[in-house]
C-alpha atoms as a PDB file:
ATOM      1  CA  MET A   1      -0.187  -0.119  -0.108  1.00  0.00           C
ATOM      2  CA  HIS A   2       1.297   3.356  -0.968  1.00  0.00           C
ATOM      3  CA  ALA A   3       2.511   5.810   1.703  1.00  0.00           C
ATOM      4  CA  ARG A   4       0.568   8.701   1.059  1.00  0.00           C
ATOM      5  CA  MET A   5      -3.199   6.219   0.400  1.00  0.00           C
ATOM      6  CA  ARG A   6      -5.739   7.084   2.579  1.00  0.00           C
ATOM      7  CA  ILE A   7      -6.608   4.231   5.184  1.00  0.00           C
ATOM      8  CA  GLY A   8      -9.176   5.521   7.313  1.00  0.00           C
ATOM      9  CA  LYS A   9      -9.549   3.966  10.799  1.00  0.00           C
ATOM     10  CA  VAL A  10     -12.383   1.313   9.581  1.00  0.00           C
ATOM     11  CA  ALA A  11     -10.632   0.277   6.345  1.00  0.00           C
ATOM     12  CA  LEU A  12      -8.441  -2.238   7.729  1.00  0.00           C
ATOM     13  CA  MET A  13     -11.142  -4.168   9.910  1.00  0.00           C
ATOM     14  CA  SER A  14     -10.686  -7.223   8.038  1.00  0.00           C
ATOM     15  CA  ALA A  15      -7.034  -7.409   8.975  1.00  0.00           C
ATOM     16  CA  ALA A  16      -7.121  -6.143  12.165  1.00  0.00           C
ATOM     17  CA  ALA A  17      -9.876  -8.640  13.618  1.00  0.00           C
ATOM     18  CA  LEU A  18      -7.011 -11.616  12.918  1.00  0.00           C
ATOM     19  CA  GLY A  19      -4.498  -9.465  14.175  1.00  0.00           C
ATOM     20  CA  MET A  20      -2.641  -8.242  11.125  1.00  0.00           C
ATOM     21  CA  VAL A  21      -2.805  -4.964  10.795  1.00  0.00           C
ATOM     22  CA  ALA A  22       0.331  -3.334   9.592  1.00  0.00           C
ATOM     23  CA  CYS A  23      -0.908   0.334   8.668  1.00  0.00           C
ATOM     24  CA  GLY A  24       0.262  -0.261   5.074  1.00  0.00           C
ATOM     25  CA  GLY A  25       1.629  -3.243   4.999  1.00  0.00           C
ATOM     26  CA  HIS A  26       5.439  -2.929   6.460  1.00  0.00           C
ATOM     27  CA  ASP A  27       6.497  -6.300   7.295  1.00  0.00           C
ATOM     28  CA  SER A  28       7.870  -4.513  10.382  1.00  0.00           C
ATOM     29  CA  GLY A  29       4.150  -3.608  11.328  1.00  0.00           C
ATOM     30  CA  VAL A  30       3.017  -7.140  10.852  1.00  0.00           C
ATOM     31  CA  SER A  31       5.719  -8.683  13.247  1.00  0.00           C
ATOM     32  CA  ARG A  32       4.747  -6.156  15.584  1.00  0.00           C
ATOM     33  CA  ALA A  33       1.202  -7.087  16.001  1.00  0.00           C
ATOM     34  CA  ALA A  34       2.339 -10.978  15.844  1.00  0.00           C
ATOM     35  CA  GLU A  35       4.523 -10.132  18.993  1.00  0.00           C
ATOM     36  CA  LYS A  36       1.762  -8.280  20.621  1.00  0.00           C
ATOM     37  CA  THR A  37      -0.777 -10.912  20.102  1.00  0.00           C
ATOM     38  CA  SER A  38       1.523 -13.941  21.588  1.00  0.00           C
ATOM     39  CA  ALA A  39       2.422 -11.832  24.465  1.00  0.00           C
ATOM     40  CA  PRO A  40       0.568 -12.726  27.592  1.00  0.00           C
ATOM     41  CA  ALA A  41      -2.466 -10.503  28.364  1.00  0.00           C
ATOM     42  CA  GLN A  42      -2.342  -8.151  31.633  1.00  0.00           C
ATOM     43  CA  THR A  43      -4.419  -8.613  34.160  1.00  0.00           C
ATOM     44  CA  ALA A  44      -4.075  -5.344  36.077  1.00  0.00           C
ATOM     45  CA  ALA A  45      -2.688  -2.003  35.852  1.00  0.00           C
ATOM     46  CA  VAL A  46       0.967  -2.055  34.931  1.00  0.00           C
ATOM     47  CA  PRO A  47       2.762  -0.778  38.059  1.00  0.00           C
ATOM     48  CA  HIS A  48       6.173   0.687  36.675  1.00  0.00           C
ATOM     49  CA  ALA A  49       4.422   4.030  35.603  1.00  0.00           C
ATOM     50  CA  PRO A  50       6.847   6.827  35.553  1.00  0.00           C
ATOM     51  CA  PRO A  51       5.392   8.445  39.037  1.00  0.00           C
ATOM     52  CA  ALA A  52       3.676  11.935  38.514  1.00  0.00           C
ATOM     53  CA  SER A  53       6.651  13.985  39.964  1.00  0.00           C
ATOM     54  CA  GLU A  54       8.992  12.381  36.947  1.00  0.00           C
ATOM     55  CA  THR A  55       5.977  13.608  34.591  1.00  0.00           C
ATOM     56  CA  GLY A  56       5.109  16.796  35.151  1.00  0.00           C
ATOM     57  CA  GLY A  57       2.544  16.120  37.167  1.00  0.00           C
ATOM     58  CA  PHE A  58       0.793  13.655  34.651  1.00  0.00           C
ATOM     59  CA  ASP A  59      -0.628  10.688  36.845  1.00  0.00           C
ATOM     60  CA  GLY A  60      -0.743   7.395  34.625  1.00  0.00           C
ATOM     61  CA  GLN A  61      -2.537   5.895  37.186  1.00  0.00           C
ATOM     62  CA  ARG A  62      -5.244   8.327  37.424  1.00  0.00           C
ATOM     63  CA  ALA A  63      -5.404   8.201  33.417  1.00  0.00           C
ATOM     64  CA  TYR A  64      -6.006   4.587  33.571  1.00  0.00           C
ATOM     65  CA  ASP A  65      -8.387   5.110  36.384  1.00  0.00           C
ATOM     66  CA  HIS A  66     -10.566   6.955  34.053  1.00  0.00           C
ATOM     67  CA  VAL A  67     -10.661   4.273  31.493  1.00  0.00           C
ATOM     68  CA  LYS A  68     -11.588   1.987  34.060  1.00  0.00           C
ATOM     69  CA  ASP A  69     -14.573   3.797  34.724  1.00  0.00           C
ATOM     70  CA  LEU A  70     -15.233   4.387  31.122  1.00  0.00           C
ATOM     71  CA  VAL A  71     -15.128   0.783  30.270  1.00  0.00           C
ATOM     72  CA  ALA A  72     -17.242  -0.241  33.149  1.00  0.00           C
ATOM     73  CA  PHE A  73     -20.361   1.681  31.244  1.00  0.00           C
ATOM     74  CA  GLY A  74     -20.010  -1.043  28.396  1.00  0.00           C
ATOM     75  CA  PRO A  75     -20.196  -0.291  24.930  1.00  0.00           C
ATOM     76  CA  ARG A  76     -20.834   3.563  24.037  1.00  0.00           C
ATOM     77  CA  PRO A  77     -21.894   3.998  20.956  1.00  0.00           C
ATOM     78  CA  PRO A  78     -23.307   7.873  20.012  1.00  0.00           C
ATOM     79  CA  GLY A  79     -26.816   8.409  21.154  1.00  0.00           C
ATOM     80  CA  SER A  80     -26.655   5.194  23.582  1.00  0.00           C
ATOM     81  CA  ALA A  81     -27.548   5.290  27.357  1.00  0.00           C
ATOM     82  CA  ALA A  82     -23.929   4.496  27.962  1.00  0.00           C
ATOM     83  CA  ILE A  83     -22.762   7.355  26.088  1.00  0.00           C
ATOM     84  CA  HIS A  84     -24.536   9.193  28.258  1.00  0.00           C
ATOM     85  CA  ARG A  85     -23.295   8.299  31.244  1.00  0.00           C
ATOM     86  CA  ALA A  86     -20.054   8.655  29.947  1.00  0.00           C
ATOM     87  CA  GLN A  87     -20.707  12.165  28.876  1.00  0.00           C
ATOM     88  CA  ALA A  88     -22.217  12.882  32.755  1.00  0.00           C
ATOM     89  CA  TYR A  89     -18.560  11.212  34.091  1.00  0.00           C
ATOM     90  CA  ILE A  90     -16.396  13.246  31.621  1.00  0.00           C
ATOM     91  CA  ILE A  91     -18.018  16.599  32.801  1.00  0.00           C
ATOM     92  CA  SER A  92     -18.237  15.990  36.269  1.00  0.00           C
ATOM     93  CA  GLN A  93     -14.629  14.990  36.213  1.00  0.00           C
ATOM     94  CA  LEU A  94     -13.529  18.610  34.332  1.00  0.00           C
ATOM     95  CA  LYS A  95     -15.891  20.542  36.331  1.00  0.00           C
ATOM     96  CA  SER A  96     -14.392  18.944  39.333  1.00  0.00           C
ATOM     97  CA  HIS A  97     -11.186  20.055  38.691  1.00  0.00           C
ATOM     98  CA  GLY A  98     -12.246  23.812  37.924  1.00  0.00           C
ATOM     99  CA  CYS A  99     -12.169  23.244  34.257  1.00  0.00           C
ATOM    100  CA  PRO A 100     -14.373  25.848  31.942  1.00  0.00           C
ATOM    101  CA  VAL A 101     -16.213  23.197  30.364  1.00  0.00           C
ATOM    102  CA  GLU A 102     -18.618  23.715  27.329  1.00  0.00           C
ATOM    103  CA  GLU A 103     -21.501  21.180  26.187  1.00  0.00           C
ATOM    104  CA  HIS A 104     -21.810  21.596  22.118  1.00  0.00           C
ATOM    105  CA  ASP A 105     -24.843  19.583  21.131  1.00  0.00           C
ATOM    106  CA  PHE A 106     -25.738  19.089  17.474  1.00  0.00           C
ATOM    107  CA  HIS A 107     -27.185  16.492  15.291  1.00  0.00           C
ATOM    108  CA  ALA A 108     -25.495  14.355  12.789  1.00  0.00           C
ATOM    109  CA  GLN A 109     -26.875  12.703   9.317  1.00  0.00           C
ATOM    110  CA  THR A 110     -25.659   9.196   9.442  1.00  0.00           C
ATOM    111  CA  ALA A 111     -25.877   6.061   7.282  1.00  0.00           C
ATOM    112  CA  ILE A 112     -28.547   4.914  10.133  1.00  0.00           C
ATOM    113  CA  GLY A 113     -30.214   8.281  10.574  1.00  0.00           C
ATOM    114  CA  GLU A 114     -30.197  11.214  12.709  1.00  0.00           C
ATOM    115  CA  ILE A 115     -28.352  10.901  16.200  1.00  0.00           C
ATOM    116  CA  ALA A 116     -27.739  13.435  18.454  1.00  0.00           C
ATOM    117  CA  MET A 117     -24.477  14.147  19.568  1.00  0.00           C
ATOM    118  CA  LYS A 118     -22.188  15.882  21.793  1.00  0.00           C
ATOM    119  CA  ASN A 119     -18.723  17.228  21.704  1.00  0.00           C
ATOM    120  CA  ILE A 120     -17.495  18.190  25.514  1.00  0.00           C
ATOM    121  CA  VAL A 121     -14.751  21.067  25.181  1.00  0.00           C
ATOM    122  CA  VAL A 122     -12.391  22.832  27.990  1.00  0.00           C
ATOM    123  CA  LYS A 123     -11.318  26.091  27.170  1.00  0.00           C
ATOM    124  CA  ILE A 124      -8.199  27.235  29.280  1.00  0.00           C
ATOM    125  CA  PRO A 125      -7.618  30.887  28.633  1.00  0.00           C
ATOM    126  CA  GLY A 126      -3.902  32.155  27.912  1.00  0.00           C
ATOM    127  CA  LYS A 127      -2.443  35.687  27.715  1.00  0.00           C
ATOM    128  CA  SER A 128      -1.805  35.516  23.640  1.00  0.00           C
ATOM    129  CA  PRO A 129      -4.586  34.951  21.310  1.00  0.00           C
ATOM    130  CA  GLY A 130      -2.976  31.299  20.115  1.00  0.00           C
ATOM    131  CA  ILE A 131      -4.809  28.451  20.436  1.00  0.00           C
ATOM    132  CA  VAL A 132      -3.475  24.906  21.219  1.00  0.00           C
ATOM    133  CA  LEU A 133      -6.024  21.869  20.938  1.00  0.00           C
ATOM    134  CA  TYR A 134      -5.786  18.860  22.739  1.00  0.00           C
ATOM    135  CA  SER A 135      -8.500  16.361  21.264  1.00  0.00           C
ATOM    136  CA  THR A 136      -9.641  12.879  21.084  1.00  0.00           C
ATOM    137  CA  HIS A 137     -12.655  10.881  20.725  1.00  0.00           C
ATOM    138  CA  TYR A 138     -14.706   9.258  23.606  1.00  0.00           C
ATOM    139  CA  ASP A 139     -17.511   7.456  21.400  1.00  0.00           C
ATOM    140  CA  THR A 140     -17.086   3.764  20.741  1.00  0.00           C
ATOM    141  CA  LEU A 141     -17.710   1.330  17.787  1.00  0.00           C
ATOM    142  CA  ARG A 142     -21.394   0.115  17.217  1.00  0.00           C
ATOM    143  CA  MET A 143     -20.290  -3.315  17.671  1.00  0.00           C
ATOM    144  CA  PRO A 144     -21.761  -6.239  20.378  1.00  0.00           C
ATOM    145  CA  ASN A 145     -19.739  -6.474  23.476  1.00  0.00           C
ATOM    146  CA  PHE A 146     -17.306  -3.628  22.517  1.00  0.00           C
ATOM    147  CA  VAL A 147     -16.074  -1.676  25.210  1.00  0.00           C
ATOM    148  CA  GLY A 148     -13.103   0.293  23.486  1.00  0.00           C
ATOM    149  CA  ALA A 149     -10.356   0.167  26.164  1.00  0.00           C
ATOM    150  CA  ASP A 150      -7.755   1.602  23.609  1.00  0.00           C
ATOM    151  CA  ASP A 151     -10.131   2.897  20.801  1.00  0.00           C
ATOM    152  CA  GLY A 152     -11.858   5.601  22.759  1.00  0.00           C
ATOM    153  CA  GLY A 153     -11.164   5.004  25.911  1.00  0.00           C
ATOM    154  CA  SER A 154      -6.769   5.510  26.216  1.00  0.00           C
ATOM    155  CA  GLY A 155      -7.294   9.128  24.581  1.00  0.00           C
ATOM    156  CA  THR A 156     -10.115   9.954  26.777  1.00  0.00           C
ATOM    157  CA  GLY A 157      -8.327   8.959  30.175  1.00  0.00           C
ATOM    158  CA  THR A 158      -5.556  10.281  29.122  1.00  0.00           C
ATOM    159  CA  LEU A 159      -6.998  14.055  28.202  1.00  0.00           C
ATOM    160  CA  LEU A 160      -8.979  13.991  31.619  1.00  0.00           C
ATOM    161  CA  GLU A 161      -5.986  13.797  33.404  1.00  0.00           C
ATOM    162  CA  LEU A 162      -4.350  16.290  31.147  1.00  0.00           C
ATOM    163  CA  ALA A 163      -7.140  18.657  31.717  1.00  0.00           C
ATOM    164  CA  ARG A 164      -6.680  18.444  35.835  1.00  0.00           C
ATOM    165  CA  VAL A 165      -3.062  19.170  35.492  1.00  0.00           C
ATOM    166  CA  LEU A 166      -3.299  22.519  33.116  1.00  0.00           C
ATOM    167  CA  CYS A 167      -6.610  23.427  34.273  1.00  0.00           C
ATOM    168  CA  ALA A 168      -4.809  24.398  37.735  1.00  0.00           C
ATOM    169  CA  ARG A 169      -1.620  26.486  35.329  1.00  0.00           C
ATOM    170  CA  LYS A 170      -1.856  29.553  33.457  1.00  0.00           C
ATOM    171  CA  PRO A 171      -0.858  29.057  29.984  1.00  0.00           C
ATOM    172  CA  ALA A 172       0.599  31.621  27.810  1.00  0.00           C
ATOM    173  CA  MET A 173      -1.055  30.049  25.186  1.00  0.00           C
ATOM    174  CA  ASN A 174      -5.078  29.092  25.082  1.00  0.00           C
ATOM    175  CA  VAL A 175      -5.616  25.686  25.605  1.00  0.00           C
ATOM    176  CA  TRP A 176      -8.201  23.924  24.237  1.00  0.00           C
ATOM    177  CA  ILE A 177      -9.299  20.299  25.248  1.00  0.00           C
ATOM    178  CA  ALA A 178     -11.615  18.518  22.840  1.00  0.00           C
ATOM    179  CA  PHE A 179     -14.011  15.180  23.352  1.00  0.00           C
ATOM    180  CA  PHE A 180     -15.189  14.252  20.322  1.00  0.00           C
ATOM    181  CA  ASP A 181     -18.242  12.227  19.678  1.00  0.00           C
ATOM    182  CA  GLY A 182     -19.226  10.337  16.677  1.00  0.00           C
ATOM    183  CA  GLU A 183     -15.738   9.815  15.525  1.00  0.00           C
ATOM    184  CA  GLU A 184     -16.396   5.867  14.471  1.00  0.00           C
ATOM    185  CA  ALA A 185     -18.128   5.325  11.181  1.00  0.00           C
ATOM    186  CA  GLN A 186     -22.046   4.802  11.883  1.00  0.00           C
ATOM    187  CA  GLY A 187     -23.637   1.129  10.852  1.00  0.00           C
ATOM    188  CA  ASN A 188     -24.450  -2.238  12.291  1.00  0.00           C
ATOM    189  CA  TRP A 189     -20.851  -3.863  12.720  1.00  0.00           C
ATOM    190  CA  THR A 190     -21.791  -7.367  12.842  1.00  0.00           C
ATOM    191  CA  ASN A 191     -21.518  -7.018   9.519  1.00  0.00           C
ATOM    192  CA  HIS A 192     -18.137  -5.478   8.957  1.00  0.00           C
ATOM    193  CA  ASP A 193     -18.295  -5.132   5.237  1.00  0.00           C
ATOM    194  CA  SER A 194     -21.786  -3.335   5.161  1.00  0.00           C
ATOM    195  CA  VAL A 195     -20.441  -0.434   7.010  1.00  0.00           C
ATOM    196  CA  GLN A 196     -18.523   2.328   4.951  1.00  0.00           C
ATOM    197  CA  TRP A 197     -15.683   4.913   6.654  1.00  0.00           C
ATOM    198  CA  THR A 198     -16.892   8.122   4.521  1.00  0.00           C
ATOM    199  CA  ASP A 199     -15.984  11.391   4.732  1.00  0.00           C
ATOM    200  CA  GLU A 200     -20.074  11.917   5.433  1.00  0.00           C
ATOM    201  CA  ASN A 201     -20.215   8.877   7.702  1.00  0.00           C
ATOM    202  CA  ALA A 202     -17.492   9.202  10.621  1.00  0.00           C
ATOM    203  CA  THR A 203     -15.637  12.206  12.289  1.00  0.00           C
ATOM    204  CA  PHE A 204     -19.076  13.754  12.924  1.00  0.00           C
ATOM    205  CA  GLY A 205     -17.626  15.210  16.197  1.00  0.00           C
ATOM    206  CA  SER A 206     -14.344  16.897  14.766  1.00  0.00           C
ATOM    207  CA  ARG A 207     -15.638  18.060  11.706  1.00  0.00           C
ATOM    208  CA  GLU A 208     -18.559  19.573  13.542  1.00  0.00           C
ATOM    209  CA  MET A 209     -16.038  21.439  15.960  1.00  0.00           C
ATOM    210  CA  ALA A 210     -13.521  22.545  13.003  1.00  0.00           C
ATOM    211  CA  ALA A 211     -16.787  24.174  11.038  1.00  0.00           C
ATOM    212  CA  SER A 212     -17.927  25.842  14.301  1.00  0.00           C
ATOM    213  CA  MET A 213     -14.084  27.545  14.445  1.00  0.00           C
ATOM    214  CA  ALA A 214     -14.142  28.497  11.007  1.00  0.00           C
ATOM    215  CA  LEU A 215     -17.644  30.138  11.296  1.00  0.00           C
ATOM    216  CA  SER A 216     -17.029  32.086  14.858  1.00  0.00           C
ATOM    217  CA  GLY A 217     -12.734  33.353  13.555  1.00  0.00           C
ATOM    218  CA  ASP A 218     -11.255  30.772  15.903  1.00  0.00           C
ATOM    219  CA  LEU A 219      -9.820  28.344  13.495  1.00  0.00           C
ATOM    220  CA  LYS A 220      -7.550  31.304  12.340  1.00  0.00           C
ATOM    221  CA  ARG A 221      -6.124  31.545  16.168  1.00  0.00           C
ATOM    222  CA  LEU A 222      -5.852  27.550  15.987  1.00  0.00           C
ATOM    223  CA  LYS A 223      -1.986  27.311  15.963  1.00  0.00           C
ATOM    224  CA  ALA A 224      -1.678  23.228  16.714  1.00  0.00           C
ATOM    225  CA  MET A 225      -4.464  20.529  17.144  1.00  0.00           C
ATOM    226  CA  ILE A 226      -3.113  17.564  18.645  1.00  0.00           C
ATOM    227  CA  LEU A 227      -5.103  14.024  18.230  1.00  0.00           C
ATOM    228  CA  ALA A 228      -4.369  11.828  20.999  1.00  0.00           C
ATOM    229  CA  ASP A 229      -5.887   8.470  19.797  1.00  0.00           C
ATOM    230  CA  MET A 230      -5.164   4.786  20.544  1.00  0.00           C
ATOM    231  CA  ILE A 231      -2.066   5.360  22.807  1.00  0.00           C
ATOM    232  CA  GLY A 232      -2.694   2.830  25.854  1.00  0.00           C
ATOM    233  CA  PRO A 233      -1.540  -0.301  24.781  1.00  0.00           C
ATOM    234  CA  ALA A 234       1.687  -2.356  26.607  1.00  0.00           C
ATOM    235  CA  ASN A 235       4.756  -2.125  23.908  1.00  0.00           C
ATOM    236  CA  LEU A 236       3.471   1.104  22.947  1.00  0.00           C
ATOM    237  CA  GLU A 237       5.195   2.632  19.657  1.00  0.00           C
ATOM    238  CA  ILE A 238       3.731   5.958  17.923  1.00  0.00           C
ATOM    239  CA  LYS A 239       4.935   6.738  14.479  1.00  0.00           C
ATOM    240  CA  PRO A 240       4.930   9.721  12.612  1.00  0.00           C
ATOM    241  CA  GLU A 241       1.658   9.379  10.570  1.00  0.00           C
ATOM    242  CA  ALA A 242       1.765  10.997   6.730  1.00  0.00           C
ATOM    243  CA  ASN A 243      -1.436  13.087   6.764  1.00  0.00           C
ATOM    244  CA  SER A 244      -0.021  14.781  10.060  1.00  0.00           C
ATOM    245  CA  THR A 245       1.742  18.551   9.781  1.00  0.00           C
ATOM    246  CA  GLY A 246       5.722  17.804   9.274  1.00  0.00           C
ATOM    247  CA  TRP A 247       6.643  20.552  11.447  1.00  0.00           C
ATOM    248  CA  LEU A 248       4.323  19.800  14.457  1.00  0.00           C
ATOM    249  CA  THR A 249       4.916  16.028  14.295  1.00  0.00           C
ATOM    250  CA  ASN A 250       8.821  16.842  14.425  1.00  0.00           C
ATOM    251  CA  LEU A 251       8.065  19.076  17.289  1.00  0.00           C
ATOM    252  CA  ILE A 252       6.277  16.494  19.252  1.00  0.00           C
ATOM    253  CA  TRP A 253       9.023  13.886  18.385  1.00  0.00           C
ATOM    254  CA  GLU A 254      11.604  16.214  19.926  1.00  0.00           C
ATOM    255  CA  VAL A 255       9.928  16.770  22.931  1.00  0.00           C
ATOM    256  CA  ALA A 256       9.672  13.006  23.103  1.00  0.00           C
ATOM    257  CA  ALA A 257      13.507  12.408  22.575  1.00  0.00           C
ATOM    258  CA  ARG A 258      14.640  14.950  24.654  1.00  0.00           C
ATOM    259  CA  LEU A 259      12.403  13.100  27.651  1.00  0.00           C
ATOM    260  CA  GLY A 260      13.652   9.643  26.594  1.00  0.00           C
ATOM    261  CA  TYR A 261      10.931   8.153  24.835  1.00  0.00           C
ATOM    262  CA  SER A 262      12.621   7.340  21.571  1.00  0.00           C
ATOM    263  CA  LYS A 263      11.184   3.950  21.991  1.00  0.00           C
ATOM    264  CA  VAL A 264       8.002   4.978  21.899  1.00  0.00           C
ATOM    265  CA  PHE A 265       7.933   7.909  19.923  1.00  0.00           C
ATOM    266  CA  VAL A 266       9.926   6.165  17.159  1.00  0.00           C
ATOM    267  CA  LYS A 267      10.979   7.779  13.737  1.00  0.00           C
ATOM    268  CA  GLU A 268       9.594   4.945  11.021  1.00  0.00           C
ATOM    269  CA  ALA A 269       6.624   6.241   9.569  1.00  0.00           C
ATOM    270  CA  ILE A 270       3.362   4.828   8.755  1.00  0.00           C
ATOM    271  CA  PRO A 271       0.931   5.953   5.807  1.00  0.00           C
ATOM    272  CA  ALA A 272      -1.700   8.762   5.992  1.00  0.00           C
ATOM    273  CA  VAL A 273      -4.529   7.671   8.377  1.00  0.00           C
ATOM    274  CA  ASP A 274      -8.407   9.720   8.259  1.00  0.00           C
ATOM    275  CA  ASP A 275      -8.733  10.737  11.366  1.00  0.00           C
ATOM    276  CA  ASP A 276      -9.954  13.511  13.687  1.00  0.00           C
ATOM    277  CA  HIS A 277      -7.107  15.341  12.747  1.00  0.00           C
ATOM    278  CA  MET A 278      -8.056  15.741   9.420  1.00  0.00           C
ATOM    279  CA  SER A 279     -11.252  17.683   9.696  1.00  0.00           C
ATOM    280  CA  PHE A 280      -9.045  20.547  10.737  1.00  0.00           C
ATOM    281  CA  ILE A 281      -5.992  19.926   8.598  1.00  0.00           C
ATOM    282  CA  ARG A 282      -8.697  20.214   5.753  1.00  0.00           C
ATOM    283  CA  ARG A 283      -9.313  23.381   6.483  1.00  0.00           C
ATOM    284  CA  GLY A 284      -5.585  24.702   6.768  1.00  0.00           C
ATOM    285  CA  ALA A 285      -5.076  24.070  10.626  1.00  0.00           C
ATOM    286  CA  ALA A 286      -1.549  22.327  11.512  1.00  0.00           C
ATOM    287  CA  GLY A 287      -2.694  18.667  13.121  1.00  0.00           C
ATOM    288  CA  CYS A 288      -0.935  15.426  14.413  1.00  0.00           C
ATOM    289  CA  ASP A 289      -2.271  11.988  14.821  1.00  0.00           C
ATOM    290  CA  LEU A 290      -0.587  10.107  17.875  1.00  0.00           C
ATOM    291  CA  ILE A 291      -2.180   6.833  17.201  1.00  0.00           C
ATOM    292  CA  ASP A 292      -0.602   3.208  17.633  1.00  0.00           C
ATOM    293  CA  PHE A 293      -2.183   1.404  14.559  1.00  0.00           C
ATOM    294  CA  ASP A 294      -0.277  -1.683  15.202  1.00  0.00           C
ATOM    295  CA  TYR A 295      -2.668  -2.456  17.735  1.00  0.00           C
ATOM    296  CA  PRO A 296      -4.012  -6.117  16.817  1.00  0.00           C
ATOM    297  CA  TYR A 297      -7.193  -5.811  19.141  1.00  0.00           C
ATOM    298  CA  TRP A 298      -7.966  -2.985  17.181  1.00  0.00           C
ATOM    299  CA  HIS A 299     -12.108  -2.823  16.307  1.00  0.00           C
ATOM    300  CA  THR A 300     -12.681  -6.204  17.882  1.00  0.00           C
ATOM    301  CA  PRO A 301     -14.503  -6.999  21.267  1.00  0.00           C
ATOM    302  CA  GLN A 302     -10.736  -8.266  22.664  1.00  0.00           C
ATOM    303  CA  ASP A 303     -10.044  -4.181  23.104  1.00  0.00           C
ATOM    304  CA  THR A 304     -10.183  -4.282  26.977  1.00  0.00           C
ATOM    305  CA  LEU A 305      -8.931  -2.740  29.917  1.00  0.00           C
ATOM    306  CA  ASP A 306      -6.251  -5.498  30.463  1.00  0.00           C
ATOM    307  CA  LYS A 307      -4.263  -4.183  27.064  1.00  0.00           C
ATOM    308  CA  LEU A 308      -3.824  -1.066  28.623  1.00  0.00           C
ATOM    309  CA  ASP A 309      -0.595   0.210  30.297  1.00  0.00           C
ATOM    310  CA  THR A 310      -0.573   2.635  32.807  1.00  0.00           C
ATOM    311  CA  ARG A 311       3.175   3.752  31.604  1.00  0.00           C
ATOM    312  CA  SER A 312       1.978   4.154  28.466  1.00  0.00           C
ATOM    313  CA  LEU A 313      -0.848   6.596  29.236  1.00  0.00           C
ATOM    314  CA  ALA A 314       1.705   8.240  31.434  1.00  0.00           C
ATOM    315  CA  ILE A 315       4.624   8.558  28.875  1.00  0.00           C
ATOM    316  CA  VAL A 316       1.966   9.997  26.419  1.00  0.00           C
ATOM    317  CA  GLY A 317       0.329  12.543  28.933  1.00  0.00           C
ATOM    318  CA  HIS A 318       4.031  13.725  29.808  1.00  0.00           C
ATOM    319  CA  VAL A 319       5.062  14.462  25.928  1.00  0.00           C
ATOM    320  CA  LEU A 320       1.674  16.062  25.786  1.00  0.00           C
ATOM    321  CA  LEU A 321       2.015  18.497  28.829  1.00  0.00           C
ATOM    322  CA  GLU A 322       5.819  19.233  27.137  1.00  0.00           C
ATOM    323  CA  THR A 323       4.993  20.042  23.777  1.00  0.00           C
ATOM    324  CA  LEU A 324       2.982  23.039  25.343  1.00  0.00           C
ATOM    325  CA  PRO A 325       5.699  24.990  26.268  1.00  0.00           C
ATOM    326  CA  GLU A 326       7.404  24.563  23.213  1.00  0.00           C
ATOM    327  CA  LEU A 327       4.785  25.712  21.300  1.00  0.00           C
ATOM    328  CA  GLU A 328       4.234  28.688  23.285  1.00  0.00           C
ATOM    329  CA  LYS A 329       7.682  29.486  22.615  1.00  0.00           C
ATOM    330  CA  LYS A 330       7.652  29.203  18.609  1.00  0.00           C
ATOM    331  CA  PHE A 331       4.000  31.420  18.569  1.00  0.00           C
ATOM    332  CA  ARG A 332       5.123  34.078  21.165  1.00  0.00           C
END
């Protein structure tokens, strides 16, 4: 598969179900997935996460506990009772840390009809007009027994903990933290081939927010959009993604290397992935997708809590925190 080919997170469903997703067919990706599949599953949170005192205050165990709470709600597809509980949980956690929370309700026209959706956005005011947007999605695939510990859970838990840390600070730039609804393509996933990832049937929340920011004029102030999606498994390897903006990717990877995380933020690139960051990139903004697409349990009912590693969450959270001052220096 050509490195510039548009994959889409859903296009590789059949391969992922067999544990052979390789993000474009690279041999290293195949062996990586096989390695993860053969490894024994974790039965509890891994205790060797860097302590918060070494990660700028970010607590990987707290992030993991958020994922645990979300997974306990069960499958969380848009419009479901479970996602309404997840929304209430996210909002209550953010407010408990003094974060300024906005609820952006909208209706999405999907392949299975109109669905009410909600983006949840924290806006931390800064001294300069520029905006740094951290983002993730909190919905899960519309598949029976799919709880999305990594795909939908890991990014949400990480950004809830990131919000706890950042809402207590006074950043130089405006920091927005967005939890998107409706990232997954809508359809009956009991028949994988019947559901198509298209520009009109996926990334509903990010497209809604990007359009709203364009109308309000805020998109012109957006300096960087960083997406955290599928960043929680053990043996985490995040690779530069071809659709992501080059300078922003380089900046994040330089921060990770400085912090000693070169074995997690590796240099081997993956082909283009169509994800929530594209809603902003297509409108001219700089965006970067942090994703480990060699996860063998992707879009299967085996994407469960025991696959996650507190160390992975702590590392990504640390990198996200330390990326902010670098962006503030760049745009001061």
